[in-house]
Amino acid sequence: MLLEDHRRRVTRLLRGERRVTDLDRLFADLRLLKPGRSSVQEIGHFAAHRDERDTGISLNRANDIQISARLWQQQFDGKAPSIYDLREAARANFNIMPEPRIRERLGISKQTAQQSFNKAIRKYEARRPLKAREQEVLKVFGLSMMWQFALDDLTLCTDFAALLVTEGALVDSDRTKFESAYQFISLYALSIMQGARLRMADGQMTQLRLASSDFGMLRIKAQIPVTDTPKPVTTSVPLFETSLSAADYCEADLLDLFSDAVPAEISGDRLVALV
């Protein structure tokens, strides 16, 4: 019965019908599929728990960025980091930085970088001289602030299609045709993430907001708390990136970061304020 339900909803998407209820049902069910995809699970959980999240890849990324930013702020305030601080920053930064960026920055694999960092931190703790690469790796992963979005819409849409094929709701030969629904899926994800809150590991809350990137593309950003003393400091970072133009696919008022977050809905092929 469930598979037939999914097939009929997928057929409507293939016909060009755009119903939020279809995506609500499909994401809610597919988030429980084993083995699943983290991107689909994430949006499915946002759909099910829209007000507050205390798990998921967006929250994990926000927590790692907070750790990275706090060490950076500590240095900015003139406080020397402890060995524990360096290790925690490295753990977070290795989670944040993907393999391609590590290779681009250092010319080595993630595994090699981790090995070099471990050697560097042991030598640093023992006050022994570090080799050039060890110094660079210690600086990059122990003393720098990093950020990287948790997911993007292309990954989400392709993962979603792959799971539908796996369960039999989408015929593999229709994958290309299913791409016509990708824009709708991206708008759906943006609409349910808008205004949601993440409960950080330290108990603080951060709210997710629609925003526009420097290139004019829609994204979801989080204002992550870094420190409260001597004055509150936050860092604004993207957690979900899309390839949708903000000018074409979003009502301008939703992007006003100086006002309260407004619930959003999909109208035609745009995000608009829910009224």
Protein backbone atom coordinates (compact mmCIF):
# COMPACT_ATOMS: atom_id res chain seq x y z
CA MET A 1 0.00 0.00 0.00
CA LEU A 2 2.77 2.44 0.93
CA LEU A 3 4.69 1.77 -2.28
CA GLU A 4 1.56 2.30 -4.37
CA ASP A 5 0.96 5.56 -2.51
CA HIS A 6 4.48 6.69 -3.39
CA ARG A 7 4.15 5.63 -7.04
CA ARG A 8 1.03 7.71 -7.50
CA ARG A 9 2.61 10.77 -5.91
CA VAL A 10 5.72 10.37 -8.07
CA THR A 11 3.52 10.03 -11.15
CA ARG A 12 1.90 13.37 -10.32
CA LEU A 13 5.34 14.97 -10.00
CA LEU A 14 6.32 13.51 -13.39
CA ARG A 15 3.14 14.97 -14.90
CA GLY A 16 4.14 18.41 -13.66
CA GLU A 17 1.72 18.60 -10.75
CA ARG A 18 3.23 20.41 -7.78
CA ARG A 19 1.61 19.54 -4.46
CA VAL A 20 3.38 20.23 -1.18
CA THR A 21 1.40 17.40 0.43
CA ASP A 22 3.07 14.91 -1.96
CA LEU A 23 6.54 15.98 -0.84
CA ASP A 24 5.44 16.04 2.79
CA ARG A 25 4.39 12.40 2.55
CA LEU A 26 7.35 11.22 0.46
CA PHE A 27 10.01 12.87 2.62
CA ALA A 28 8.32 11.76 5.86
CA ASP A 29 8.35 8.14 4.66
CA LEU A 30 11.74 8.08 2.92
CA ARG A 31 13.54 9.49 5.97
CA LEU A 32 12.92 6.10 7.58
CA LEU A 33 14.13 4.01 4.63
CA LYS A 34 17.17 1.83 5.35
CA PRO A 35 19.78 2.37 4.06
CA GLY A 36 18.87 6.00 3.57
CA ARG A 37 20.53 9.22 2.49
CA SER A 38 21.46 11.87 5.07
CA SER A 39 20.18 14.75 2.93
CA VAL A 40 16.72 13.18 2.54
CA GLN A 41 16.61 12.26 6.22
CA GLU A 42 17.49 15.85 7.10
CA ILE A 43 14.68 17.44 5.08
CA GLY A 44 12.26 14.72 6.18
CA HIS A 45 13.04 15.45 9.82
CA PHE A 46 12.64 19.20 9.24
CA ALA A 47 9.23 18.48 7.73
CA ALA A 48 8.27 16.37 10.76
CA HIS A 49 9.82 18.65 13.42
CA ARG A 50 9.68 22.12 11.93
CA ASP A 51 9.91 24.23 15.07
CA GLU A 52 13.04 22.89 16.77
CA ARG A 53 15.73 20.38 15.84
CA ASP A 54 18.22 18.77 18.21
CA THR A 55 19.77 16.28 15.74
CA GLY A 56 20.78 16.18 12.09
CA ILE A 57 23.54 17.18 9.70
CA SER A 58 22.65 20.89 9.79
CA LEU A 59 22.92 20.94 13.58
CA ASN A 60 26.16 18.94 13.52
CA ARG A 61 27.65 21.41 11.07
CA ALA A 62 26.46 24.38 13.12
CA ASN A 63 28.04 22.92 16.27
CA ASP A 64 31.35 22.33 14.50
CA ILE A 65 31.37 25.87 13.09
CA GLN A 66 30.64 27.23 16.57
CA ILE A 67 33.67 25.39 18.00
CA SER A 68 35.86 26.64 15.15
CA ALA A 69 34.61 30.21 15.54
CA ARG A 70 35.06 30.23 19.32
CA LEU A 71 38.73 29.35 19.07
CA TRP A 72 39.19 32.04 16.42
CA GLN A 73 37.45 34.59 18.66
CA GLN A 74 39.59 33.48 21.60
CA GLN A 75 42.74 34.26 19.62
CA PHE A 76 41.25 37.57 18.49
CA ASP A 77 40.74 38.42 22.15
CA GLY A 78 44.41 37.68 22.82
CA LYS A 79 43.94 34.40 24.68
CA ALA A 80 46.39 31.59 23.92
CA PRO A 81 44.64 28.31 23.03
CA SER A 82 45.23 25.24 25.17
CA ILE A 83 46.13 21.83 23.77
CA TYR A 84 42.53 20.81 24.41
CA ASP A 85 41.29 23.83 22.43
CA LEU A 86 43.54 22.92 19.50
CA ARG A 87 42.37 19.33 19.47
CA GLU A 88 38.70 20.34 19.65
CA ALA A 89 39.15 22.91 16.88
CA ALA A 90 40.87 20.32 14.70
CA ARG A 91 38.13 17.77 15.29
CA ALA A 92 35.52 20.33 14.22
CA ASN A 93 37.53 21.65 11.28
CA PHE A 94 38.22 18.19 9.89
CA ASN A 95 34.46 17.58 10.01
CA ILE A 96 33.82 20.86 8.21
CA MET A 97 36.43 20.83 5.47
CA PRO A 98 35.69 18.36 2.63
CA GLU A 99 38.44 16.33 0.99
CA PRO A 100 38.63 18.48 -2.20
CA ARG A 101 39.25 21.65 -0.17
CA ILE A 102 41.97 19.93 1.85
CA ARG A 103 43.72 18.80 -1.32
CA GLU A 104 43.37 22.27 -2.83
CA ARG A 105 44.71 23.98 0.29
CA LEU A 106 47.46 21.56 1.31
CA GLY A 107 47.98 19.22 -1.63
CA ILE A 108 47.45 16.14 0.54
CA SER A 109 44.60 13.78 1.40
CA LYS A 110 42.39 14.19 4.46
CA GLN A 111 43.92 11.07 6.02
CA THR A 112 47.46 12.41 5.53
CA ALA A 113 46.43 15.78 6.94
CA GLN A 114 44.99 14.12 10.05
CA GLN A 115 48.16 12.11 10.54
CA SER A 116 50.29 15.24 10.16
CA PHE A 117 48.11 17.12 12.65
CA ASN A 118 48.40 14.34 15.22
CA LYS A 119 52.19 14.42 14.92
CA ALA A 120 52.21 18.21 15.08
CA ILE A 121 50.08 18.43 18.22
CA ARG A 122 52.24 15.86 20.02
CA LYS A 123 55.41 17.79 19.14
CA TYR A 124 53.74 21.11 20.04
CA GLU A 125 52.73 19.74 23.44
CA ALA A 126 56.27 18.40 24.02
CA ARG A 127 57.77 21.74 22.84
CA ARG A 128 59.64 20.04 20.02
CA PRO A 129 60.30 21.71 16.65
CA LEU A 130 57.74 21.10 13.91
CA LYS A 131 58.39 20.40 10.26
CA ALA A 132 57.05 22.89 7.72
CA ARG A 133 54.06 20.73 6.77
CA GLU A 134 53.23 20.07 10.43
CA GLN A 135 53.30 23.80 11.15
CA GLU A 136 50.97 24.46 8.22
CA VAL A 137 48.54 21.70 9.20
CA LEU A 138 48.49 22.87 12.82
CA LYS A 139 47.75 26.41 11.64
CA VAL A 140 45.03 25.38 9.18
CA PHE A 141 43.13 22.95 11.41
CA GLY A 142 44.00 24.10 14.91
CA LEU A 143 44.11 27.87 14.62
CA SER A 144 41.72 28.80 11.81
CA MET A 145 37.98 29.32 11.57
CA MET A 146 36.26 27.26 8.88
CA TRP A 147 32.75 27.02 7.51
CA GLN A 148 31.07 24.91 4.88
CA PHE A 149 27.38 24.33 4.16
CA ALA A 150 25.88 21.04 5.34
CA LEU A 151 24.02 20.20 2.12
CA ASP A 152 23.02 21.60 -1.27
CA ASP A 153 19.95 21.20 -3.42
CA LEU A 154 21.57 19.12 -6.17
CA THR A 155 22.68 16.51 -3.61
CA LEU A 156 19.25 16.56 -2.01
CA CYS A 157 17.37 16.13 -5.29
CA THR A 158 19.62 13.38 -6.67
CA ASP A 159 19.53 11.50 -3.34
CA PHE A 160 15.74 11.84 -3.27
CA ALA A 161 15.44 10.41 -6.79
CA ALA A 162 17.86 7.59 -5.95
CA LEU A 163 15.79 6.49 -2.95
CA LEU A 164 12.59 6.58 -4.97
CA VAL A 165 14.24 4.32 -7.55
CA THR A 166 15.54 2.01 -4.83
CA GLU A 167 12.10 1.48 -3.32
CA GLY A 168 10.45 1.14 -6.74
CA ALA A 169 8.34 4.31 -6.73
CA LEU A 170 10.33 5.83 -9.61
CA VAL A 171 11.42 3.89 -12.68
CA ASP A 172 15.13 4.32 -13.32
CA SER A 173 14.51 5.32 -16.94
CA ASP A 174 12.40 8.26 -15.68
CA ARG A 175 15.20 9.82 -13.61
CA THR A 176 15.96 12.45 -16.25
CA LYS A 177 12.29 13.33 -16.55
CA PHE A 178 12.09 13.57 -12.75
CA GLU A 179 14.67 16.38 -12.85
CA SER A 180 11.81 18.68 -13.87
CA ALA A 181 10.68 18.48 -10.23
CA TYR A 182 14.07 19.50 -8.78
CA GLN A 183 13.21 23.19 -8.62
CA PHE A 184 10.02 22.41 -6.69
CA ILE A 185 11.93 20.12 -4.30
CA SER A 186 14.50 22.86 -3.64
CA LEU A 187 11.77 25.41 -2.92
CA TYR A 188 10.08 22.91 -0.61
CA ALA A 189 13.28 22.39 1.39
CA LEU A 190 13.82 26.13 1.71
CA SER A 191 10.23 26.70 2.85
CA ILE A 192 10.35 24.15 5.68
CA MET A 193 13.80 25.23 6.90
CA GLN A 194 12.82 28.90 7.00
CA GLY A 195 12.32 29.97 10.62
CA ALA A 196 13.21 26.59 12.13
CA ARG A 197 15.47 26.60 15.19
CA LEU A 198 18.49 24.49 16.05
CA ARG A 199 19.31 23.67 19.66
CA MET A 200 23.09 23.93 19.87
CA ALA A 201 25.23 21.59 21.97
CA ASP A 202 25.64 24.33 24.60
CA GLY A 203 21.87 24.76 24.90
CA GLN A 204 21.65 28.00 22.94
CA MET A 205 19.22 28.37 20.04
CA THR A 206 19.88 29.59 16.53
CA GLN A 207 17.18 30.35 13.98
CA LEU A 208 17.45 29.50 10.30
CA ARG A 209 16.69 32.22 7.76
CA LEU A 210 16.27 32.54 4.03
CA ALA A 211 19.04 34.61 2.50
CA SER A 212 20.73 35.41 -0.78
CA SER A 213 24.35 34.49 -1.49
CA ASP A 214 26.92 36.89 -2.93
CA PHE A 215 26.03 35.39 -6.31
CA GLY A 216 22.31 36.01 -5.80
CA MET A 217 21.31 32.41 -5.08
CA LEU A 218 18.86 31.34 -2.39
CA ARG A 219 20.28 29.73 0.71
CA ILE A 220 19.47 29.02 4.35
CA LYS A 221 21.73 30.74 6.89
CA ALA A 222 22.14 30.41 10.63
CA GLN A 223 23.23 33.11 13.07
CA ILE A 224 25.47 31.04 15.32
CA PRO A 225 26.28 32.34 18.82
CA VAL A 226 30.03 32.45 19.46
CA THR A 227 30.48 34.21 22.80
CA ASP A 228 28.48 36.29 25.28
CA THR A 229 31.35 38.15 26.94
CA PRO A 230 32.42 40.89 27.00
CA LYS A 231 29.66 41.40 24.42
CA PRO A 232 27.58 38.99 22.33
CA VAL A 233 29.33 37.82 19.15
CA THR A 234 27.67 35.73 16.44
CA THR A 235 28.72 34.45 13.03
CA SER A 236 26.34 34.14 10.10
CA VAL A 237 26.96 31.02 8.01
CA PRO A 238 25.08 29.14 5.25
CA LEU A 239 23.87 25.61 5.97
CA PHE A 240 21.85 24.88 2.80
CA GLU A 241 22.81 26.14 -0.66
CA THR A 242 20.69 26.15 -3.80
CA SER A 243 21.09 27.04 -7.46
CA LEU A 244 17.88 29.09 -7.48
CA SER A 245 18.09 32.82 -8.20
CA ALA A 246 16.73 34.84 -5.28
CA ALA A 247 15.41 37.50 -7.68
CA ASP A 248 13.41 34.94 -9.65
CA TYR A 249 12.29 32.48 -7.00
CA CYS A 250 11.68 34.45 -3.80
CA GLU A 251 9.60 37.37 -2.61
CA ALA A 252 12.01 40.12 -1.53
CA ASP A 253 10.42 40.65 1.90
CA LEU A 254 11.37 37.11 2.95
CA LEU A 255 15.04 38.03 2.62
CA ASP A 256 14.87 41.01 5.00
CA LEU A 257 17.33 39.94 7.70
CA PHE A 258 16.48 42.99 9.81
CA SER A 259 12.93 41.81 10.50
CA ASP A 260 11.55 38.67 12.12
CA ALA A 261 11.52 35.48 10.05
CA VAL A 262 8.23 35.11 8.19
CA PRO A 263 6.73 31.69 7.39
CA ALA A 264 7.05 30.90 3.69
CA GLU A 265 5.03 28.89 1.20
CA ILE A 266 5.34 27.99 -2.46
CA SER A 267 3.13 29.92 -4.86
CA GLY A 268 3.62 28.89 -8.47
CA ASP A 269 7.37 28.70 -8.80
CA ARG A 270 8.27 31.22 -6.08
CA LEU A 271 8.56 31.44 -2.32
CA VAL A 272 6.16 33.97 -0.84
CA ALA A 273 5.17 35.03 2.65
CA LEU A 274 2.45 32.88 4.20
CA VAL A 275 -0.57 35.14 4.75
